[in-house]
Protein backbone atom coordinates (compact mmCIF):
# COMPACT_ATOMS: atom_id res chain seq x y z
CA MET A 1 -66.96 32.48 -54.86
CA ARG A 2 -67.29 35.90 -53.61
CA GLU A 3 -64.92 38.68 -53.46
CA THR A 4 -65.26 39.30 -49.02
CA GLU A 5 -64.46 35.11 -48.51
CA VAL A 6 -60.99 36.47 -49.83
CA LYS A 7 -60.59 39.02 -48.25
CA LYS A 8 -61.50 37.74 -44.95
CA LEU A 9 -58.22 35.42 -45.57
CA LEU A 10 -56.01 38.70 -45.62
CA GLY A 11 -53.53 39.00 -42.83
CA ARG A 12 -54.67 35.66 -41.12
CA LYS A 13 -51.73 32.91 -39.75
CA ASP A 14 -53.69 29.76 -40.62
CA ARG A 15 -54.26 27.82 -44.03
CA LYS A 16 -57.56 28.71 -44.45
CA GLN A 17 -59.25 28.25 -47.77
CA VAL A 18 -62.34 29.12 -49.44
CA SER A 19 -62.83 28.04 -53.28
CA ASP A 20 -65.68 27.25 -56.16
CA ASN A 21 -65.56 24.35 -59.66
CA ASN A 22 -62.54 25.85 -60.82
CA LEU A 23 -60.77 28.10 -57.93
CA VAL A 24 -59.38 28.07 -54.61
CA ALA A 25 -57.98 30.84 -52.69
CA ARG A 26 -55.57 29.36 -50.05
CA GLY A 27 -54.64 31.60 -47.01
CA ASN A 28 -50.91 31.18 -46.75
CA THR A 29 -48.91 31.62 -42.59
CA ASP A 30 -47.92 35.07 -43.43
CA GLY A 31 -50.82 36.83 -44.26
CA THR A 32 -51.17 35.96 -47.89
CA VAL A 33 -53.23 34.79 -50.18
CA SER A 34 -52.52 32.77 -52.91
CA TRP A 35 -54.19 31.38 -56.00
CA CYS A 36 -54.64 27.78 -57.61
CA MET A 37 -56.07 25.12 -58.76
CA VAL A 38 -56.49 21.27 -58.08
CA PHE A 39 -56.75 18.96 -60.54
CA TYR A 40 -56.52 14.85 -61.35
CA SER A 41 -53.44 13.68 -63.33
CA LYS A 42 -52.31 9.94 -63.99
CA GLY A 43 -54.91 9.30 -60.86
CA VAL A 44 -52.95 11.81 -58.35
CA LEU A 45 -54.23 15.34 -57.45
CA LYS A 46 -51.73 18.35 -58.15
CA ARG A 47 -51.88 21.62 -57.26
CA TYR A 48 -51.03 24.00 -59.71
CA THR A 49 -50.21 28.28 -57.80
CA PHE A 50 -50.59 30.85 -60.31
CA GLY A 51 -50.69 34.22 -58.61
CA SER A 52 -52.08 36.09 -55.38
CA TYR A 53 -54.78 38.44 -54.08
CA PRO A 54 -54.88 41.21 -54.65
CA GLU A 55 -52.45 41.75 -57.58
CA LEU A 56 -54.29 38.99 -59.38
CA PRO A 57 -58.00 40.07 -58.68
CA LEU A 58 -60.56 37.30 -58.18
CA ASP A 59 -62.15 37.86 -61.44
CA GLU A 60 -58.84 37.00 -63.50
CA ALA A 61 -57.91 34.89 -61.00
CA GLN A 62 -61.14 32.89 -62.08
CA GLU A 63 -60.77 33.40 -66.48
CA ARG A 64 -57.68 31.75 -65.74
CA ALA A 65 -58.56 28.70 -64.01
CA ILE A 66 -61.48 28.52 -66.55
CA THR A 67 -58.41 28.26 -68.94
CA TYR A 68 -56.34 26.14 -67.52
CA ARG A 69 -59.06 23.61 -66.93
CA ARG A 70 -60.74 23.88 -70.40
CA LYS A 71 -56.59 23.35 -71.60
CA TRP A 72 -56.08 20.10 -69.37
CA LYS A 73 -59.18 18.69 -70.57
CA GLU A 74 -58.88 19.71 -74.49
CA GLU A 75 -55.32 19.06 -74.97
CA GLY A 76 -54.41 17.39 -72.37
CA LEU A 77 -51.98 20.83 -71.45
CA LEU A 78 -50.95 21.27 -67.43
CA PRO A 79 -51.21 25.09 -66.46
CA LYS A 80 -47.75 25.29 -65.93
CA GLU A 81 -47.30 23.90 -69.81
CA TYR A 82 -49.71 26.17 -70.89
CA GLU A 83 -47.69 28.83 -69.02
CA GLU A 84 -44.28 28.46 -71.21
CA LEU A 85 -45.93 28.16 -74.49
CA ARG A 86 -47.94 31.60 -73.95
CA ALA A 87 -44.89 32.82 -72.37
CA GLU A 88 -42.72 31.91 -75.75
CA GLU A 89 -45.94 33.61 -77.61
CA LEU A 90 -45.18 36.40 -76.35
CA GLU A 91 -41.88 36.26 -77.16
CA GLN A 92 -41.96 35.45 -80.22
CA LYS A 93 -44.36 38.43 -80.61
CA ARG A 94 -41.72 41.27 -78.64
CA LYS A 95 -38.36 39.77 -80.98
CA GLN A 96 -41.00 40.42 -84.19
CA THR A 97 -42.14 43.97 -83.03
CA GLU A 98 -38.76 44.71 -82.81
CA THR A 99 -37.12 43.02 -85.22
CA GLU A 100 -39.74 45.10 -87.80
CA ALA A 101 -38.79 48.17 -85.67
CA ILE A 102 -34.97 47.42 -87.17
CA THR A 103 -33.73 49.98 -89.67
CA LEU A 104 -31.00 49.86 -92.04
CA ARG A 105 -29.11 52.59 -89.36
CA ASP A 106 -29.67 49.91 -87.03
CA LEU A 107 -28.19 46.86 -88.45
CA LEU A 108 -25.01 49.39 -89.74
CA ASP A 109 -24.35 49.81 -86.27
CA LYS A 110 -24.84 45.55 -85.64
CA TYR A 111 -22.72 44.69 -88.36
CA GLU A 112 -20.10 46.89 -87.82
CA MET A 113 -20.01 45.55 -84.06
CA SER A 114 -19.49 41.83 -84.98
CA ARG A 115 -16.93 42.33 -87.90
CA ARG A 116 -14.95 44.59 -84.47
CA SER A 117 -15.10 41.26 -82.64
CA PHE A 118 -14.32 38.57 -85.24
CA SER A 119 -11.22 37.18 -85.03
CA ARG A 120 -9.45 38.73 -87.52
CA GLY A 121 -10.04 42.34 -86.31
CA ASP A 122 -10.62 44.81 -89.18
CA SER A 123 -8.98 47.69 -88.92
CA GLU A 124 -10.20 50.95 -88.18
CA ARG A 125 -9.46 52.28 -91.70
CA THR A 126 -12.11 49.23 -93.05
CA LEU A 127 -14.81 49.78 -90.83
CA LYS A 128 -14.42 53.62 -91.28
CA ASP A 129 -14.42 53.48 -94.89
CA LEU A 130 -17.49 50.49 -94.60
CA ARG A 131 -19.72 53.11 -92.54
CA ASN A 132 -18.66 56.23 -94.33
CA THR A 133 -19.81 54.46 -97.88
CA VAL A 134 -22.97 53.19 -96.86
CA LEU A 135 -23.76 56.37 -94.80
CA SER A 136 -23.58 58.08 -98.19
CA MET A 137 -24.91 55.61 -101.20
CA TRP A 138 -27.72 54.68 -99.19
CA GLU A 139 -28.86 57.45 -97.33
CA PRO A 140 -32.29 57.54 -98.01
CA PHE A 141 -32.99 53.87 -96.79
CA LEU A 142 -31.18 55.10 -93.34
CA ASP A 143 -34.50 54.82 -90.95
CA THR A 144 -36.11 52.46 -93.17
CA PRO A 145 -37.39 49.56 -91.62
CA ILE A 146 -35.51 46.50 -92.92
CA LYS A 147 -38.25 44.60 -93.52
CA LYS A 148 -40.12 47.07 -95.80
CA ILE A 149 -36.56 47.43 -98.30
CA THR A 150 -37.52 46.02 -101.27
CA SER A 151 -34.89 44.76 -104.20
CA ASN A 152 -36.73 47.67 -106.73
CA GLU A 153 -35.94 50.02 -104.95
CA LEU A 154 -32.68 49.26 -104.15
CA LEU A 155 -32.05 48.47 -107.75
CA GLU A 156 -32.84 51.44 -108.99
CA HIS A 157 -31.53 53.81 -106.12
CA PHE A 158 -28.50 52.24 -107.60
CA HIS A 159 -28.89 52.81 -111.03
CA LEU A 160 -29.77 56.20 -109.75
CA TRP A 161 -26.54 57.23 -107.47
CA THR A 162 -24.59 55.42 -109.83
CA SER A 163 -25.67 57.83 -112.45
CA GLN A 164 -24.93 61.10 -110.65
CA ARG A 165 -21.70 59.76 -109.50
CA VAL A 166 -18.87 60.96 -111.20
CA SER A 167 -15.30 59.94 -110.61
CA LYS A 168 -12.80 62.17 -109.96
CA GLN A 169 -9.83 60.28 -112.16
CA THR A 170 -11.49 59.61 -114.72
CA GLY A 171 -14.47 61.74 -114.99
CA LYS A 172 -17.06 59.03 -115.76
CA PRO A 173 -19.48 57.75 -114.05
CA ALA A 174 -18.20 56.05 -110.17
CA LYS A 175 -19.61 52.63 -111.21
CA ALA A 176 -16.85 51.27 -109.13
CA GLN A 177 -17.65 53.57 -105.36
CA ALA A 178 -21.43 51.88 -106.43
CA ARG A 179 -20.50 47.90 -106.59
CA LYS A 180 -18.53 48.57 -103.64
CA GLY A 181 -21.32 50.48 -101.60
CA ALA A 182 -23.76 47.22 -102.89
CA ARG A 183 -21.10 44.20 -102.06
CA TYR A 184 -21.44 46.00 -98.53
CA LEU A 185 -24.83 46.33 -98.38
CA LYS A 186 -25.38 42.58 -99.09
CA ALA A 187 -23.53 41.35 -96.52
CA MET A 188 -24.66 43.26 -94.24
CA PHE A 189 -28.66 41.63 -95.53
CA ASN A 190 -26.38 38.17 -95.55
CA TYR A 191 -25.39 39.03 -91.58
CA ALA A 192 -28.78 39.88 -90.84
CA ILE A 193 -30.32 36.17 -92.62
CA ASN A 194 -27.51 34.15 -91.21
CA PHE A 195 -26.74 35.40 -87.80
CA LEU A 196 -29.55 38.11 -86.47
CA ASP A 197 -32.17 35.40 -87.71
CA ILE A 198 -33.82 38.30 -88.56
CA LEU A 199 -34.36 37.89 -92.19
CA ASP A 200 -35.50 35.35 -94.49
CA ARG A 201 -33.96 36.64 -98.33
CA ASN A 202 -31.72 39.48 -99.35
CA PRO A 203 -32.70 42.62 -101.15
CA VAL A 204 -29.68 43.07 -102.73
CA LYS A 205 -29.33 40.35 -105.02
CA LYS A 206 -31.60 41.75 -107.55
CA ILE A 207 -28.32 43.73 -108.18
CA THR A 208 -27.16 41.59 -110.57
CA ALA A 209 -23.30 40.29 -110.61
CA ARG A 210 -22.39 42.37 -114.12
CA GLU A 211 -23.42 44.62 -112.20
CA THR A 212 -21.22 44.04 -108.77
CA THR A 213 -18.61 42.64 -109.75
CA ARG A 214 -15.00 43.80 -111.70
CA SER A 215 -15.01 43.92 -115.13
CA ASN A 216 -12.91 40.83 -116.85
CA ASP A 217 -9.84 43.00 -117.65
CA SER A 218 -8.92 43.44 -113.66
CA VAL A 219 -8.44 39.58 -114.16
CA TYR A 220 -6.20 38.86 -116.92
CA PHE A 221 -3.91 35.88 -116.60
CA LEU A 222 -0.75 35.02 -118.36
CA ARG A 223 -0.90 32.14 -120.88
CA THR A 224 1.79 29.50 -120.26
CA GLU A 225 3.75 30.65 -123.82
CA GLU A 226 4.03 34.00 -121.76
CA THR A 227 5.13 32.54 -118.06
CA HIS A 228 8.23 30.91 -119.72
CA SER A 229 9.18 34.09 -121.99
CA LEU A 230 8.71 36.02 -118.68
CA TYR A 231 10.83 34.08 -116.68
CA ASN A 232 13.26 34.03 -119.35
CA VAL A 233 13.10 37.69 -118.63
CA LEU A 234 13.70 37.63 -114.99
CA CYS A 235 16.51 35.06 -115.57
CA ILE A 236 18.14 37.85 -117.62
CA VAL A 237 17.70 40.62 -115.54
CA SER A 238 19.07 39.05 -112.42
CA ASP A 239 22.19 37.51 -114.77
CA ARG A 240 24.39 39.94 -115.32
CA VAL A 241 25.65 38.59 -118.74
CA GLY A 242 22.11 39.05 -119.22
CA GLN A 243 22.61 42.98 -117.76
CA GLN A 244 25.39 44.05 -120.26
CA GLU A 245 23.96 42.70 -123.41
CA LEU A 246 20.59 44.63 -122.62
CA ILE A 247 22.54 47.56 -122.05
CA LYS A 248 24.65 47.38 -125.07
CA SER A 249 21.31 46.68 -127.32
CA GLY A 250 20.88 50.68 -126.53
CA LYS A 251 17.32 50.35 -125.23
CA PHE A 252 18.30 50.28 -121.59
CA LYS A 253 20.72 52.15 -118.87
CA GLU A 254 22.38 51.27 -116.43
CA GLU A 255 19.98 52.48 -114.25
CA ASP A 256 17.54 49.49 -114.87
CA PHE A 257 19.52 46.85 -112.86
CA THR A 258 20.81 49.00 -109.63
CA GLU A 259 20.74 46.93 -106.40
CA GLU A 260 17.73 48.69 -105.02
CA ARG A 261 15.77 46.86 -108.86
CA GLN A 262 17.17 43.82 -108.47
CA ILE A 263 15.41 43.28 -105.04
CA GLN A 264 12.97 44.25 -106.80
CA TYR A 265 13.01 41.96 -109.87
CA ASP A 266 13.49 38.89 -107.13
CA ALA A 267 9.98 40.05 -105.60
CA ILE A 268 8.18 39.50 -108.96
CA THR A 269 9.79 36.25 -109.36
CA LEU A 270 8.31 35.52 -106.35
CA TYR A 271 4.90 37.09 -107.49
CA LEU A 272 4.85 34.05 -110.18
CA LEU A 273 5.86 31.11 -108.48
CA THR A 274 4.32 31.17 -105.34
CA GLY A 275 0.84 33.53 -106.33
CA LEU A 276 1.34 35.63 -103.35
CA ARG A 277 -0.01 38.83 -102.28
CA GLN A 278 2.02 41.43 -102.73
CA HIS A 279 2.55 42.61 -99.06
CA GLU A 280 2.31 39.01 -97.72
CA VAL A 281 5.25 38.40 -100.17
CA LEU A 282 7.55 42.06 -99.24
CA ASP A 283 6.89 41.70 -95.66
CA MET A 284 8.47 38.05 -95.46
CA HIS A 285 11.51 38.35 -92.71
CA TRP A 286 14.77 35.97 -92.54
CA LYS A 287 13.52 34.66 -89.47
CA ASP A 288 10.40 32.88 -91.05
CA VAL A 289 13.03 31.13 -94.03
CA TYR A 290 14.34 27.72 -93.61
CA LEU A 291 16.37 27.43 -96.38
CA ASP A 292 19.50 25.41 -94.99
CA LYS A 293 19.17 21.66 -94.41
CA LYS A 294 20.26 22.26 -91.08
CA GLU A 295 17.11 25.05 -90.63
CA TYR A 296 14.85 23.27 -91.74
CA GLU A 297 15.55 19.29 -90.19
CA ALA A 298 15.95 21.08 -87.37
CA GLU A 299 12.00 21.87 -87.36
CA GLY A 300 11.03 18.56 -88.51
CA ALA A 301 10.52 19.63 -92.52
CA LYS A 302 11.40 17.39 -95.36
CA GLY A 303 12.98 20.47 -97.20
CA ALA A 304 13.01 24.13 -97.66
CA PHE A 305 10.28 26.54 -96.38
CA PHE A 306 9.17 29.80 -95.51
CA GLN A 307 6.11 30.81 -93.53
CA ILE A 308 3.95 33.81 -94.01
CA THR A 309 3.00 35.11 -91.59
CA THR A 310 0.90 38.62 -92.89
CA SER A 311 -2.04 36.37 -94.60
CA LYS A 312 -5.08 38.55 -95.57
CA GLN A 313 -7.15 35.90 -92.97
CA LYS A 314 -4.56 36.27 -90.35
CA LYS A 315 -3.02 32.50 -90.53
CA PRO A 316 0.37 32.00 -91.34
CA PHE A 317 0.41 28.90 -93.55
CA GLY A 318 4.08 27.37 -94.87
CA VAL A 319 5.03 27.53 -98.53
CA PRO A 320 7.47 25.25 -99.62
CA ILE A 321 10.79 26.51 -101.82
CA THR A 322 11.09 25.32 -104.86
CA ARG A 323 13.96 24.98 -106.91
CA GLU A 324 13.33 28.48 -109.14
CA MET A 325 12.70 29.76 -105.88
CA ARG A 326 16.27 29.18 -104.20
CA PHE A 327 17.10 31.15 -107.03
CA VAL A 328 15.81 34.29 -105.28
CA PHE A 329 16.58 33.09 -101.55
CA GLU A 330 19.99 32.52 -102.17
CA ARG A 331 21.14 35.74 -103.91
CA ARG A 332 19.30 37.89 -101.58
CA LYS A 333 20.72 35.69 -98.44
CA LYS A 334 23.91 36.66 -100.17
CA ASN A 335 23.24 40.50 -100.69
CA LYS A 336 21.18 40.69 -97.27
CA ARG A 337 20.94 43.80 -95.24
CA ASN A 338 18.30 44.11 -92.83
CA ASP A 339 15.90 41.40 -91.78
CA PHE A 340 13.58 41.14 -94.66
CA VAL A 341 14.10 39.62 -97.21
CA PHE A 342 13.17 42.24 -99.63
CA PRO A 343 15.16 45.38 -98.08
CA SER A 344 15.02 49.25 -98.52
CA LEU A 345 17.68 50.75 -99.65
CA LYS A 346 16.76 54.12 -99.32
CA LYS A 347 17.88 56.41 -97.28
CA GLY A 348 15.83 56.75 -93.31
CA PHE A 349 14.21 53.28 -95.52
CA GLU A 350 17.05 51.55 -94.20
CA HIS A 351 15.41 49.26 -91.74
CA THR A 352 12.12 48.10 -93.51
CA HIS A 353 11.30 46.21 -96.71
CA ILE A 354 10.90 47.54 -100.62
CA GLY A 355 7.94 49.44 -102.22
CA ASP A 356 6.41 50.61 -105.30
CA ASP A 357 7.64 48.80 -107.96
CA ARG A 358 6.16 49.83 -110.91
CA THR A 359 9.78 51.48 -111.84
CA SER A 360 10.91 47.52 -112.92
CA LEU A 361 7.52 46.36 -114.09
CA LYS A 362 8.05 49.02 -117.19
CA VAL A 363 11.79 47.11 -118.12
CA ILE A 364 9.86 43.45 -118.08
CA ASN A 365 7.32 44.78 -120.01
CA LYS A 366 9.68 46.51 -122.64
CA LEU A 367 11.44 43.24 -122.77
CA MET A 368 8.27 41.00 -123.81
CA PRO A 369 7.02 42.87 -126.80
CA ASN A 370 5.14 39.51 -128.15
CA LEU A 371 2.42 39.64 -125.48
CA MET A 372 -1.21 38.12 -127.06
CA LYS A 373 -2.67 41.25 -124.86
CA ALA A 374 -0.90 43.97 -123.24
CA PRO A 375 -1.73 43.96 -120.16
CA LYS A 376 0.40 45.46 -116.89
CA ILE A 377 1.98 42.73 -115.46
CA GLY A 378 2.15 43.04 -112.02
CA ASN A 379 1.06 41.25 -108.59
CA LYS A 380 -2.85 41.27 -109.27
CA VAL A 381 -1.77 39.43 -112.95
CA LEU A 382 0.98 37.36 -111.93
CA ARG A 383 -1.86 36.19 -108.97
CA HIS A 384 -4.20 35.48 -111.27
CA THR A 385 -1.88 33.62 -113.49
CA PHE A 386 -0.07 31.24 -110.68
CA ALA A 387 -4.22 30.27 -109.47
CA THR A 388 -5.13 29.47 -113.67
CA ALA A 389 -2.34 27.82 -114.16
CA GLY A 390 -3.09 25.33 -111.01
CA TYR A 391 -6.46 24.91 -111.90
CA GLY A 392 -5.57 23.58 -115.44
CA LEU A 393 -2.15 21.61 -113.76
CA PHE A 394 -4.80 20.64 -111.00
CA SER A 395 -7.91 19.39 -113.18
CA ASN A 396 -9.58 21.95 -111.84
CA ASP A 397 -9.56 21.81 -108.11
CA THR A 398 -10.35 24.45 -106.31
CA ARG A 399 -9.37 23.38 -102.66
CA ILE A 400 -5.71 22.24 -104.07
CA VAL A 401 -5.17 26.33 -105.44
CA ASP A 402 -6.93 27.96 -102.60
CA GLN A 403 -4.90 25.94 -100.46
CA ILE A 404 -1.57 26.81 -101.92
CA THR A 405 -3.19 30.64 -102.68
CA GLY A 406 -3.38 30.99 -98.89
CA HIS A 407 -8.14 31.11 -99.43
CA ILE A 408 -8.48 29.65 -96.07
CA SER A 409 -11.83 29.53 -94.43
CA ARG A 410 -12.59 31.22 -91.78
CA ALA A 411 -14.00 28.28 -89.78
CA PHE A 412 -10.54 27.15 -89.46
CA ASN A 413 -9.51 30.83 -88.85
CA THR A 414 -6.78 31.44 -85.43
CA ASN A 415 -3.72 33.87 -84.74
CA VAL A 416 -2.46 30.72 -83.54
CA ALA A 417 -0.52 28.57 -85.98
CA THR A 418 2.47 26.30 -84.72
CA ILE A 419 5.95 25.89 -86.93
CA LYS A 420 4.71 22.19 -86.80
CA TYR A 421 2.06 23.24 -88.27
CA VAL A 422 3.08 25.51 -90.68
CA HIS A 423 6.33 23.29 -92.17
CA THR A 424 3.82 20.22 -92.66
CA GLN A 425 1.36 22.80 -94.55
CA ALA A 426 4.41 22.80 -96.75
CA ASP A 427 5.52 19.51 -97.11
CA GLN A 428 2.03 18.66 -98.00
CA HIS A 429 2.04 20.72 -100.89
CA ARG A 430 6.04 20.96 -102.27
CA GLU A 431 4.99 18.33 -105.34
CA TYR A 432 1.63 21.02 -106.33
CA PHE A 433 4.69 23.84 -106.44
CA GLU A 434 7.15 21.55 -107.85
CA ARG A 435 4.53 20.63 -110.72
CA LEU A 436 3.26 23.81 -111.38
CA ASN A 437 6.84 26.45 -111.26
CA ALA A 438 8.10 23.80 -113.79
CA GLU A 439 5.14 24.56 -115.58
CA LEU A 440 5.02 28.00 -115.47
CA CYS A 441 8.58 28.25 -116.14
CA ASN A 442 9.19 25.29 -118.53
CA THR A 443 12.27 24.13 -115.84
CA GLU A 444 10.95 20.71 -116.01
CA ASP A 445 13.87 19.45 -117.81
CA SER A 446 16.59 21.68 -117.13
CA GLU A 447 20.21 20.84 -115.81
CA ALA A 448 21.99 20.51 -112.88
CA VAL A 449 22.28 24.72 -110.66
CA ASN A 450 25.69 26.19 -110.51
CA TRP A 451 25.32 27.92 -106.93
CA ASP A 452 28.23 28.71 -106.99
CA ASN A 453 27.32 32.09 -109.10
CA VAL A 454 23.51 31.21 -107.75
CA SER A 455 22.70 32.48 -111.60
CA LEU A 456 18.95 31.96 -112.67
CA PRO A 457 19.03 28.97 -115.24
CA TYR A 458 16.54 29.90 -118.92
CA SER A 459 16.46 28.11 -121.85
CA MET A 460 17.82 31.04 -123.99
CA ASP A 461 20.83 33.13 -123.46
CA ALA A 462 20.57 36.49 -122.89
CA LYS A 463 21.82 38.13 -126.42
CA GLN A 464 19.94 35.72 -127.76
CA TRP A 465 17.00 36.52 -125.93
CA VAL A 466 18.14 40.33 -126.90
CA GLU A 467 18.82 39.97 -130.09
CA TYR A 468 15.72 38.05 -130.97
CA ASN A 469 13.09 40.31 -129.14
CA LEU A 470 14.42 43.44 -130.46
CA ASP A 471 13.97 42.20 -133.84
CA VAL A 472 10.71 40.74 -132.92
CA ALA A 473 9.20 44.44 -131.04
CA LEU A 474 11.24 46.07 -134.84
CA LEU A 475 8.64 44.44 -137.04
CA GLU A 476 6.14 44.65 -134.74
CA GLU A 477 6.31 48.27 -135.29
CA ALA A 478 7.30 47.81 -138.94
CA LYS A 479 3.35 46.10 -139.15
CA GLU A 480 1.65 48.68 -136.91
CA ARG A 481 3.16 51.47 -139.51
CA LEU A 482 2.30 49.37 -143.03
CA GLU A 483 -1.42 49.19 -141.87
CA ALA A 484 -1.08 52.32 -140.49
CA ASN A 485 -0.42 53.20 -144.63
CA LYS A 486 -2.69 50.79 -145.95
CA ASN A 487 -5.18 52.52 -143.91
CA ASN A 488 -4.36 55.94 -145.02
CA SER A 489 -3.83 54.50 -148.38
CA ASP A 490 -7.50 53.07 -149.18
CA LYS A 491 -8.63 56.41 -147.40
CA LEU A 492 -7.29 58.08 -150.10
CA THR A 493 -8.94 55.66 -152.78
CA LYS A 494 -12.16 56.07 -151.12
CA ALA A 495 -11.58 60.03 -151.43
CA LYS A 496 -10.65 59.55 -155.04
CA GLU A 497 -13.61 57.36 -155.78
CA LYS A 498 -15.75 59.80 -154.16
CA GLN A 499 -14.48 62.68 -156.02
CA LEU A 500 -14.74 61.15 -159.31
CA LYS A 501 -18.55 60.26 -158.81
CA GLU A 502 -18.54 64.39 -157.91
CA GLU A 503 -17.10 65.33 -161.27
CA GLN A 504 -19.76 63.16 -162.63
CA GLU A 505 -22.90 64.22 -160.70
CA LEU A 506 -21.00 68.26 -162.19
CA VAL A 507 -21.49 66.87 -165.56
CA GLU A 508 -25.03 65.52 -165.50
CA TYR A 509 -26.12 68.70 -163.88
CA LEU A 510 -24.03 70.72 -166.58
CA GLN A 511 -25.83 68.79 -169.52
CA GLN A 512 -29.18 69.38 -167.44
CA VAL A 513 -28.16 73.13 -167.27
CA VAL A 514 -27.48 73.10 -171.17
CA SER A 515 -30.25 71.55 -171.46
CA GLU A 516 -32.70 73.79 -169.52
CA ARG A 517 -30.79 77.12 -170.64
CA GLN A 518 -31.78 76.21 -174.53
CA ASP A 519 -35.88 75.99 -173.32
CA GLY A 520 -35.55 79.09 -171.58
CA LEU A 521 -36.20 77.26 -167.97
CA TYR A 522 -32.63 78.03 -166.34
CA ASP A 523 -33.03 81.99 -163.77
CA ASP A 524 -30.27 84.10 -162.29
CA ASP A 525 -31.19 82.02 -159.47
CA GLN A 526 -29.98 78.48 -160.45
CA GLU A 527 -27.31 80.60 -161.87
CA VAL A 528 -25.46 81.31 -158.48
CA HIS A 529 -26.07 78.19 -157.08
CA LEU A 530 -24.21 76.40 -159.89
CA SER A 531 -21.27 78.98 -159.52
CA LYS A 532 -21.31 77.94 -155.85
CA LYS A 533 -20.87 74.13 -156.39
CA LYS A 534 -18.56 74.91 -159.22
CA LYS A 535 -16.56 76.64 -156.85
CA GLN A 536 -16.89 74.00 -153.61
CA LEU A 537 -15.85 71.21 -156.02
CA LYS A 538 -13.03 72.68 -157.54
CA ARG A 539 -12.00 73.18 -153.42
CA LYS A 540 -12.18 69.65 -152.57
CA ALA A 541 -10.40 68.52 -155.76
CA ASP A 542 -7.23 70.72 -154.97
CA LYS A 543 -7.56 69.39 -151.37
CA LEU A 544 -7.32 66.08 -152.35
CA ARG A 545 -4.10 66.55 -154.47
CA LEU A 546 -2.87 68.58 -151.92
CA LEU A 547 -3.06 65.95 -149.03
CA GLN A 548 -2.37 63.51 -151.70
CA ALA A 549 1.03 64.80 -152.53
CA LYS A 550 1.37 66.63 -149.30
CA ASP A 551 1.35 62.80 -147.17
CA PHE A 552 3.22 60.78 -149.70
CA GLU A 553 5.72 61.86 -150.00
CA SER A 554 6.46 62.75 -146.54
CA TYR A 555 5.92 59.13 -146.23
CA ILE A 556 8.53 57.93 -149.08
CA GLU A 557 11.17 60.35 -147.34
CA THR A 558 10.57 59.24 -143.58
CA GLY A 559 8.68 56.24 -143.28
CA GLU A 560 6.02 57.97 -141.04
CA PRO A 561 2.43 57.15 -141.28
CA LEU A 562 -0.04 59.85 -142.10
CA ALA A 563 -0.02 62.21 -139.25
CA HIS A 564 -3.41 61.64 -136.78
CA GLY A 565 -6.53 64.07 -137.57
CA SER A 566 -5.77 63.97 -141.05
CA VAL A 567 -8.73 65.26 -143.52
CA PHE A 568 -9.88 61.69 -143.88
CA ASP A 569 -10.14 61.44 -139.62
CA ARG A 570 -12.51 64.52 -139.82
């Protein structure tokens, strides 16, 4: 086939064609020329059109026809099938080229956009913190293709950045900020693996769990005997008789038991009994509480419950109201101020909930001097306490604990939940909460509740508790003082021994001097050295005797231990 023959077909209105062994140039009624090839498939004559002249030149059309024929004979591929495979290969190459060019900055943009589209909808504050942290901490890698970023490079930069940054609060290396930056980066790479399908490994994994997680101090929890004590304390500070006994002791004031403080004590009680986050408890409205029989039966529930609508997962869930919780709700209902279960009493904030409860927590901690450790009891500690007790009580079944603490899988997230679903959930978990509350509070065998007074039951009356715990506190103080003075006494004894040793050395030295003088071996410089050593030892001896007399006489009169920073501490 010659090109002159093909050109003659242009502009003709008939279907004349020219061909060779592999290729056919076919004239169309519209004056155009198409390239095609004819072949037999399963005994049927088929034609495949694959381009037009002159857009596809003759030499290229012939090469393509030869390729089609070869693929058909060797692999049994029809021209159309071959072209589809070829298109897929080209698309894969194109995608590969694009993905290889995606930088860390590009990934940050894509990840941020995906976070915005999540049903839970991250706040602007969270997204701003994400962007600023990544841009600041991982700046050297921003314009590097993510496929070229290695684990060793990230690990080296992590340690370098941590050592160079200093926390404004502590003045120490900003480890918490570094850990947060590592978590953000790890999430971005996971997104690239699971959603963009452009990576098959996460290079952040080499930054170890020890370096990217918080210390054990942040997840401290109370032991069983400590939760019993805490519940007793919460009962006492919520009872008028208990409050009066505490005030009589001289350790507490009327200001520790104001109405606002009482609201805070009730909130702390609910932290312990539910394991809920602080905002989930404080944001609770009365419209979400179904306390009376008429209220919960109208919704089809088997017992009292409340729903949380401000969970971290943005999904409402139901919590059954146990006997121990009911005390709190009954007292709050009796003293209802606004739509919130835990209302604020501050001027100008009458239409919102209470805020900071740190002052009330000081009272609670003061009443618990016998803790196994001395954590600052707060919402996080109580949430971990609730979860830990649940793991132990329910045979380490994490599914149960996750459900009752509001840890819900994203796969089931929705912004809509019917009240029927919520109360059904509460009824399903009722037994778990009842068993767990009885375990935490030691109230399984308690007597019947007097709802008229709405006062919490406790195993030890207020007077006994105050007397016992204040005695314990005094005993602990006495023990500490005794131990401090014992340590100081040991220091004095060691100092005496050291003094005696040095005096013995001096005696031996003087004996040597006498002997050397007799032999005429002693010069003026050695005499000066001897005089200095004598004076030095005399000062030490005088200081020791003075310190001993001063500190022990003071201790006998006042009972106070040796002052911190004494000569033995230097």
